[in-house]
Amino acid sequence: MARTRRLWRVPRNLPLVGHLAFGLVDRGTNLLQVRPTTLCPLSCIFCSVDAGPSSRKRATEYLVSLDHLLEWFEAVARFKGVSEVQAHIDSVGDPLTYPWIVELVERLSKMPMVGVVSLETHGARLTAKLADALDDAGLSRINLSIDAVDPELAKKLAGAPWFDVKKVLEVARYIASSLRMDLLIAPVWVPGVNDREIPKLIEFALEIGAGKRWPPLGIQKYEAHKYGRKPRGVRPMSWQAFYRRLRRWEDEYGVKLILRPEDFGIRRAPSLPKVMRRGEKVKVRVVGPGWWRGQWLGEARGRLVAIVGVRGEPPLGAELITRVLRDKDNIYVVEPV
């Protein structure tokens, strides 16, 4: 049974780099992940971040204002100093829950340094009308995570008895045949659950003509994450077994399935400098509720941080001495000392 969560609108005075759940994620390439919201209508049984109505671990959902997000994106993109930046709109939920998603795409696509705007979604809220609007706004590619063609299995995987994968397939077909933006079908392969659906999805993607500019498919390997959902009886396959099967399907269907960043024009680029290091003691100001239960949201040295190992309501404005547990990709996790 789901627990009640608060929806927290991120104040304009906070930075938008440092937290995994919202804002910007810079992994040292010419692609910036843009995360406007954490909300999701589905409760996928394999979800790595426990999203959706059935979440048991989340305490807070976040929503970032459009202007705030765009200001930070432009600043970080300019810092990179490369001729072309890609904006990839993703989420620890589903980006189509963002109220201003069309305007976000439009304003990103009009920035001179942005060459590609992509978006990933499970398609629960996707309609032909919305696809038209995103296409007109300048969306370059939509990564559509369809995990099964079979309607009942799709509902099971989505954790939502109302989910209608037939409608998603119809919109996918419409995008591939009628719109300028490209389409990539990106199923999550959950071993022992949707094994037989993956070949069907490969055939579907090829049949409708997905992948005009980029590869038509991006098959994702199920991983069991600490905070994610773990379907009963499912064990992640090894990467060796995963790639071995992809190679067989590549030979069988004549399509590229083992993908690399270069296939999407992604290359190394300067990233924002780290402002704190793992093991370092840092003074952190508490600024809001945490994403997971037992966490608070903090700010230190112009970055957001997740403060772990705490209880109760966050003492807003309080300053804590903490130790940095994580600093990878400018995403910070700290604990009080």
Protein backbone atom coordinates (compact mmCIF):
# COMPACT_ATOMS: atom_id res chain seq x y z
CA MET A 1 0.00 0.00 0.00
CA ALA A 2 1.35 3.43 -0.99
CA ARG A 3 2.25 6.01 1.60
CA THR A 4 1.37 9.69 1.41
CA ARG A 5 4.08 11.89 -0.13
CA ARG A 6 4.39 15.64 -0.32
CA LEU A 7 4.87 17.57 -3.56
CA TRP A 8 7.62 20.15 -3.09
CA ARG A 9 8.09 23.01 -5.53
CA VAL A 10 11.80 23.74 -5.63
CA PRO A 11 12.49 27.36 -4.60
CA ARG A 12 14.15 29.60 -7.19
CA ASN A 13 17.03 30.45 -4.85
CA LEU A 14 18.35 26.87 -4.77
CA PRO A 15 20.98 25.43 -7.11
CA LEU A 16 19.89 22.73 -9.55
CA VAL A 17 23.05 20.63 -9.60
CA GLY A 18 23.98 18.06 -6.96
CA HIS A 19 20.86 15.92 -6.51
CA LEU A 20 19.92 12.85 -8.52
CA ALA A 21 16.16 13.34 -8.39
CA PHE A 22 15.72 16.73 -10.06
CA GLY A 23 17.55 19.55 -11.80
CA LEU A 24 20.52 18.79 -14.04
CA VAL A 25 22.86 15.81 -14.15
CA ASP A 26 26.23 16.33 -15.84
CA ARG A 27 28.20 13.13 -16.43
CA GLY A 28 31.10 14.74 -18.26
CA THR A 29 29.76 14.57 -21.81
CA ASN A 30 28.08 16.94 -24.25
CA LEU A 31 24.73 15.58 -23.02
CA LEU A 32 22.97 17.12 -20.03
CA GLN A 33 20.16 15.23 -18.31
CA VAL A 34 17.27 17.57 -17.60
CA ARG A 35 15.00 16.44 -14.75
CA PRO A 36 11.99 18.72 -14.29
CA THR A 37 9.86 16.48 -12.07
CA THR A 38 9.88 13.19 -10.16
CA LEU A 39 6.19 12.33 -10.63
CA CYS A 40 5.05 9.18 -12.42
CA PRO A 41 1.60 7.69 -13.11
CA LEU A 42 2.91 4.11 -13.26
CA SER A 43 4.29 1.76 -10.61
CA CYS A 44 6.44 -0.49 -12.79
CA ILE A 45 7.29 -3.69 -10.96
CA PHE A 46 10.97 -3.37 -11.90
CA CYS A 47 11.35 0.38 -11.29
CA SER A 48 14.89 1.16 -10.11
CA VAL A 49 13.77 4.29 -8.24
CA ASP A 50 10.46 3.16 -6.68
CA ALA A 51 8.39 5.67 -8.64
CA GLY A 52 4.64 6.02 -8.94
CA PRO A 53 1.56 5.67 -6.75
CA SER A 54 2.75 2.43 -5.15
CA SER A 55 6.01 3.87 -3.86
CA ARG A 56 6.85 2.82 -0.30
CA LYS A 57 10.22 4.50 0.11
CA ARG A 58 9.74 8.00 -1.27
CA ALA A 59 8.91 10.87 1.07
CA THR A 60 8.82 13.73 -1.42
CA GLU A 61 8.11 14.42 -5.08
CA TYR A 62 9.74 17.47 -6.66
CA LEU A 63 8.67 20.00 -9.28
CA VAL A 64 11.07 22.58 -10.76
CA SER A 65 9.84 25.82 -12.29
CA LEU A 66 10.46 26.20 -16.01
CA ASP A 67 12.51 29.43 -15.91
CA HIS A 68 14.64 28.15 -13.02
CA LEU A 69 15.47 24.97 -14.93
CA LEU A 70 16.27 26.77 -18.17
CA GLU A 71 18.52 29.32 -16.45
CA TRP A 72 20.62 26.57 -14.92
CA PHE A 73 20.69 24.55 -18.12
CA GLU A 74 21.99 27.50 -20.12
CA ALA A 75 24.67 28.28 -17.52
CA VAL A 76 25.95 24.70 -17.35
CA ALA A 77 25.78 24.25 -21.13
CA ARG A 78 27.84 27.41 -21.67
CA PHE A 79 30.38 26.29 -19.10
CA LYS A 80 31.06 23.16 -21.17
CA GLY A 81 32.36 25.33 -23.99
CA VAL A 82 31.50 22.86 -26.75
CA SER A 83 29.89 23.69 -30.07
CA GLU A 84 26.82 21.52 -29.53
CA VAL A 85 25.09 20.33 -26.37
CA GLN A 86 22.36 17.70 -26.17
CA ALA A 87 19.45 18.14 -23.77
CA HIS A 88 18.01 14.81 -22.66
CA ILE A 89 14.78 15.20 -20.68
CA ASP A 90 14.45 12.27 -18.34
CA SER A 91 13.21 11.67 -14.84
CA VAL A 92 13.10 9.40 -11.83
CA GLY A 93 9.42 9.42 -12.76
CA ASP A 94 8.03 10.32 -16.18
CA PRO A 95 8.75 13.69 -17.89
CA LEU A 96 5.27 13.80 -19.43
CA THR A 97 3.87 14.55 -15.95
CA TYR A 98 5.62 17.94 -16.15
CA PRO A 99 2.95 20.63 -16.73
CA TRP A 100 5.20 22.67 -19.04
CA ILE A 101 6.83 19.85 -20.98
CA VAL A 102 6.03 21.26 -24.44
CA GLU A 103 7.36 24.71 -23.55
CA LEU A 104 10.46 23.13 -22.01
CA VAL A 105 11.19 21.30 -25.27
CA GLU A 106 10.51 24.43 -27.33
CA ARG A 107 12.76 26.72 -25.30
CA LEU A 108 15.59 24.18 -25.13
CA SER A 109 15.43 23.60 -28.88
CA LYS A 110 15.74 27.34 -29.54
CA MET A 111 18.96 27.73 -27.54
CA PRO A 112 21.84 28.28 -30.02
CA MET A 113 24.14 25.76 -28.30
CA VAL A 114 21.55 22.95 -28.30
CA GLY A 115 21.68 20.55 -31.22
CA VAL A 116 19.50 17.70 -29.95
CA VAL A 117 16.55 17.60 -27.58
CA SER A 118 15.44 14.08 -26.60
CA LEU A 119 12.90 12.77 -24.12
CA GLU A 120 12.20 9.40 -22.53
CA THR A 121 8.82 8.14 -21.36
CA HIS A 122 6.78 5.01 -20.80
CA GLY A 123 4.03 6.70 -22.77
CA ALA A 124 1.17 6.44 -20.27
CA ARG A 125 0.28 10.08 -20.94
CA LEU A 126 1.36 10.16 -24.58
CA THR A 127 -1.28 10.93 -27.21
CA ALA A 128 -1.09 11.79 -30.89
CA LYS A 129 -2.02 15.37 -30.01
CA LEU A 130 0.81 15.66 -27.48
CA ALA A 131 3.21 14.02 -29.92
CA ASP A 132 2.24 16.65 -32.52
CA ALA A 133 2.88 19.43 -30.00
CA LEU A 134 6.28 18.02 -29.01
CA ASP A 135 7.22 17.62 -32.66
CA ASP A 136 6.24 21.22 -33.42
CA ALA A 137 8.23 22.34 -30.36
CA GLY A 138 11.39 20.82 -31.83
CA LEU A 139 11.80 17.46 -30.09
CA SER A 140 14.51 15.53 -31.92
CA ARG A 141 13.82 12.05 -30.55
CA ILE A 142 11.47 10.30 -28.16
CA ASN A 143 12.73 7.20 -26.36
CA LEU A 144 9.59 5.17 -25.75
CA SER A 145 9.88 2.44 -23.11
CA ILE A 146 7.45 -0.22 -24.25
CA ASP A 147 8.11 -3.38 -22.25
CA ALA A 148 5.53 -5.76 -23.74
CA VAL A 149 3.17 -5.99 -26.70
CA ASP A 150 0.80 -8.30 -24.83
CA PRO A 151 -1.80 -6.04 -23.10
CA GLU A 152 -2.10 -8.05 -19.89
CA LEU A 153 1.62 -8.47 -19.44
CA ALA A 154 2.10 -4.76 -20.13
CA LYS A 155 -0.34 -3.95 -17.32
CA LYS A 156 1.50 -6.29 -14.98
CA LEU A 157 4.89 -4.77 -15.79
CA ALA A 158 3.52 -1.23 -15.43
CA GLY A 159 1.91 -2.03 -12.09
CA ALA A 160 -1.22 -0.30 -13.38
CA PRO A 161 -4.39 -2.23 -14.34
CA TRP A 162 -5.61 0.77 -16.36
CA PHE A 163 -2.50 0.96 -18.58
CA ASP A 164 -3.36 0.42 -22.27
CA VAL A 165 -0.28 -0.51 -24.27
CA LYS A 166 -2.33 -0.71 -27.48
CA LYS A 167 -2.75 3.07 -27.37
CA VAL A 168 0.98 3.51 -26.83
CA LEU A 169 1.72 1.26 -29.81
CA GLU A 170 -0.70 3.29 -31.95
CA VAL A 171 1.04 6.55 -31.03
CA ALA A 172 4.43 4.97 -31.70
CA ARG A 173 3.29 3.96 -35.16
CA TYR A 174 1.96 7.49 -35.76
CA ILE A 175 5.25 9.10 -34.66
CA ALA A 176 7.33 6.85 -36.90
CA SER A 177 5.15 7.36 -39.96
CA SER A 178 4.00 10.97 -39.69
CA LEU A 179 6.31 13.15 -37.58
CA ARG A 180 9.77 14.66 -38.01
CA MET A 181 11.10 13.55 -34.63
CA ASP A 182 12.78 10.19 -34.40
CA LEU A 183 11.55 7.23 -32.37
CA LEU A 184 13.55 4.76 -30.31
CA ILE A 185 11.83 1.77 -28.70
CA ALA A 186 13.49 1.10 -25.33
CA PRO A 187 12.09 -1.93 -23.48
CA VAL A 188 13.42 -3.09 -20.13
CA TRP A 189 14.19 -6.79 -20.39
CA VAL A 190 13.08 -8.45 -17.15
CA PRO A 191 14.36 -12.04 -17.37
CA GLY A 192 11.74 -14.68 -16.89
CA VAL A 193 8.93 -12.14 -17.28
CA ASN A 194 8.99 -10.51 -20.73
CA ASP A 195 11.61 -12.63 -22.55
CA ARG A 196 9.23 -13.52 -25.38
CA GLU A 197 8.15 -9.90 -25.80
CA ILE A 198 11.58 -8.54 -26.73
CA PRO A 199 11.67 -10.16 -30.21
CA LYS A 200 8.12 -8.91 -30.78
CA LEU A 201 9.22 -5.38 -29.93
CA ILE A 202 12.23 -5.64 -32.24
CA GLU A 203 9.91 -6.70 -35.04
CA PHE A 204 7.47 -3.91 -34.20
CA ALA A 205 10.18 -1.23 -34.25
CA LEU A 206 11.46 -2.44 -37.63
CA GLU A 207 7.95 -2.77 -39.05
CA ILE A 208 6.93 0.81 -38.25
CA GLY A 209 10.24 2.34 -39.36
CA ALA A 210 11.61 3.56 -36.04
CA GLY A 211 15.15 4.90 -36.01
CA LYS A 212 15.40 7.22 -39.02
CA ARG A 213 18.43 9.10 -37.66
CA TRP A 214 19.48 7.08 -34.63
CA PRO A 215 19.22 3.35 -33.79
CA PRO A 216 15.60 2.14 -33.62
CA LEU A 217 16.00 0.14 -30.40
CA GLY A 218 17.69 0.51 -27.04
CA ILE A 219 17.05 -2.66 -25.05
CA GLN A 220 17.70 -2.07 -21.34
CA LYS A 221 18.96 -4.67 -18.89
CA TYR A 222 17.00 -5.06 -15.65
CA GLU A 223 19.12 -4.30 -12.59
CA ALA A 224 18.19 -4.73 -8.93
CA HIS A 225 18.81 -1.42 -7.16
CA LYS A 226 18.95 -0.70 -3.45
CA TYR A 227 15.90 1.59 -3.50
CA GLY A 228 14.17 -0.04 -6.45
CA ARG A 229 11.47 -2.68 -6.82
CA LYS A 230 12.55 -6.28 -7.17
CA PRO A 231 10.01 -8.58 -8.85
CA ARG A 232 9.63 -11.84 -6.98
CA GLY A 233 11.71 -14.64 -8.44
CA VAL A 234 13.62 -12.39 -10.86
CA ARG A 235 17.41 -12.40 -10.84
CA PRO A 236 19.33 -9.98 -13.07
CA MET A 237 21.21 -11.73 -15.85
CA SER A 238 24.94 -11.18 -16.25
CA TRP A 239 26.14 -8.54 -18.69
CA GLN A 240 27.91 -11.31 -20.60
CA ALA A 241 24.65 -13.23 -21.10
CA PHE A 242 22.78 -10.02 -21.95
CA TYR A 243 25.19 -8.99 -24.69
CA ARG A 244 25.45 -12.54 -26.01
CA ARG A 245 21.68 -12.57 -26.59
CA LEU A 246 21.72 -9.11 -28.15
CA ARG A 247 24.34 -10.27 -30.64
CA ARG A 248 22.16 -13.21 -31.63
CA TRP A 249 19.22 -10.89 -32.20
CA GLU A 250 21.44 -8.53 -34.17
CA ASP A 251 22.33 -11.39 -36.50
CA GLU A 252 18.74 -12.62 -36.69
CA TYR A 253 17.09 -9.27 -37.39
CA GLY A 254 19.92 -7.33 -39.03
CA VAL A 255 19.66 -4.40 -36.64
CA LYS A 256 22.14 -2.78 -34.28
CA LEU A 257 21.26 -3.54 -30.65
CA ILE A 258 24.56 -3.14 -28.79
CA LEU A 259 24.73 0.61 -28.53
CA ARG A 260 27.49 3.05 -27.66
CA PRO A 261 27.38 6.77 -26.81
CA GLU A 262 28.92 7.50 -30.22
CA ASP A 263 25.79 6.11 -31.90
CA PHE A 264 23.95 9.16 -30.54
CA GLY A 265 26.70 11.72 -31.03
CA ILE A 266 27.58 11.71 -27.32
CA ARG A 267 31.22 12.48 -26.55
CA ARG A 268 33.35 13.59 -23.63
CA ALA A 269 33.11 17.27 -22.66
CA PRO A 270 34.19 19.39 -19.68
CA SER A 271 32.02 18.93 -16.61
CA LEU A 272 31.38 21.26 -13.71
CA PRO A 273 34.17 21.03 -11.13
CA LYS A 274 33.50 19.08 -7.96
CA VAL A 275 33.14 21.35 -4.94
CA MET A 276 33.55 18.64 -2.29
CA ARG A 277 35.16 15.23 -2.15
CA ARG A 278 34.23 11.90 -0.66
CA GLY A 279 35.37 11.65 2.95
CA GLU A 280 35.57 15.43 3.39
CA LYS A 281 33.75 17.20 6.22
CA VAL A 282 31.39 19.87 4.92
CA LYS A 283 29.00 22.34 6.54
CA VAL A 284 25.53 21.87 5.03
CA ARG A 285 22.41 24.01 5.36
CA VAL A 286 19.10 22.14 5.54
CA VAL A 287 16.80 23.56 2.86
CA GLY A 288 13.94 21.09 2.40
CA PRO A 289 12.42 17.62 2.66
CA GLY A 290 14.38 14.63 1.42
CA TRP A 291 13.53 12.43 -1.53
CA TRP A 292 13.63 9.17 0.45
CA ARG A 293 12.43 8.54 3.99
CA GLY A 294 15.27 9.16 6.41
CA GLN A 295 16.69 11.97 4.25
CA TRP A 296 16.68 15.76 4.12
CA LEU A 297 17.62 18.10 1.29
CA GLY A 298 20.63 20.34 1.86
CA GLU A 299 22.79 22.95 0.18
CA ALA A 300 26.55 23.35 0.40
CA ARG A 301 29.04 25.30 -1.71
CA GLY A 302 26.50 26.08 -4.41
CA ARG A 303 25.32 22.48 -4.80
CA LEU A 304 22.37 20.44 -3.59
CA VAL A 305 23.08 17.45 -1.36
CA ALA A 306 21.06 14.53 -0.02
CA ILE A 307 21.48 14.28 3.75
CA VAL A 308 21.01 10.67 4.89
CA GLY A 309 20.68 9.06 8.29
CA VAL A 310 18.19 11.56 9.73
CA ARG A 311 14.69 11.41 11.18
CA GLY A 312 11.66 13.64 11.49
CA GLU A 313 10.84 16.94 9.83
CA PRO A 314 13.84 18.83 8.44
CA PRO A 315 14.96 21.76 10.63
CA LEU A 316 14.95 24.30 7.80
CA GLY A 317 17.89 26.67 7.93
CA ALA A 318 19.85 24.55 10.39
CA GLU A 319 23.54 24.03 9.65
CA LEU A 320 25.07 20.60 10.08
CA ILE A 321 28.62 19.29 9.94
CA THR A 322 28.51 16.31 7.60
CA ARG A 323 30.80 13.84 5.90
CA VAL A 324 30.59 13.34 2.12
CA LEU A 325 29.66 9.78 1.18
CA ARG A 326 29.28 10.28 -2.57
CA ASP A 327 30.65 12.83 -5.04
CA LYS A 328 30.46 11.05 -8.41
CA ASP A 329 29.15 13.16 -11.32
CA ASN A 330 28.65 16.13 -8.96
CA ILE A 331 25.87 14.23 -7.20
CA TYR A 332 26.39 14.46 -3.46
CA VAL A 333 25.25 12.35 -0.54
CA VAL A 334 26.31 13.35 2.99
CA GLU A 335 25.65 12.18 6.56
CA PRO A 336 25.82 14.13 9.83
CA VAL A 337 28.90 13.54 11.99
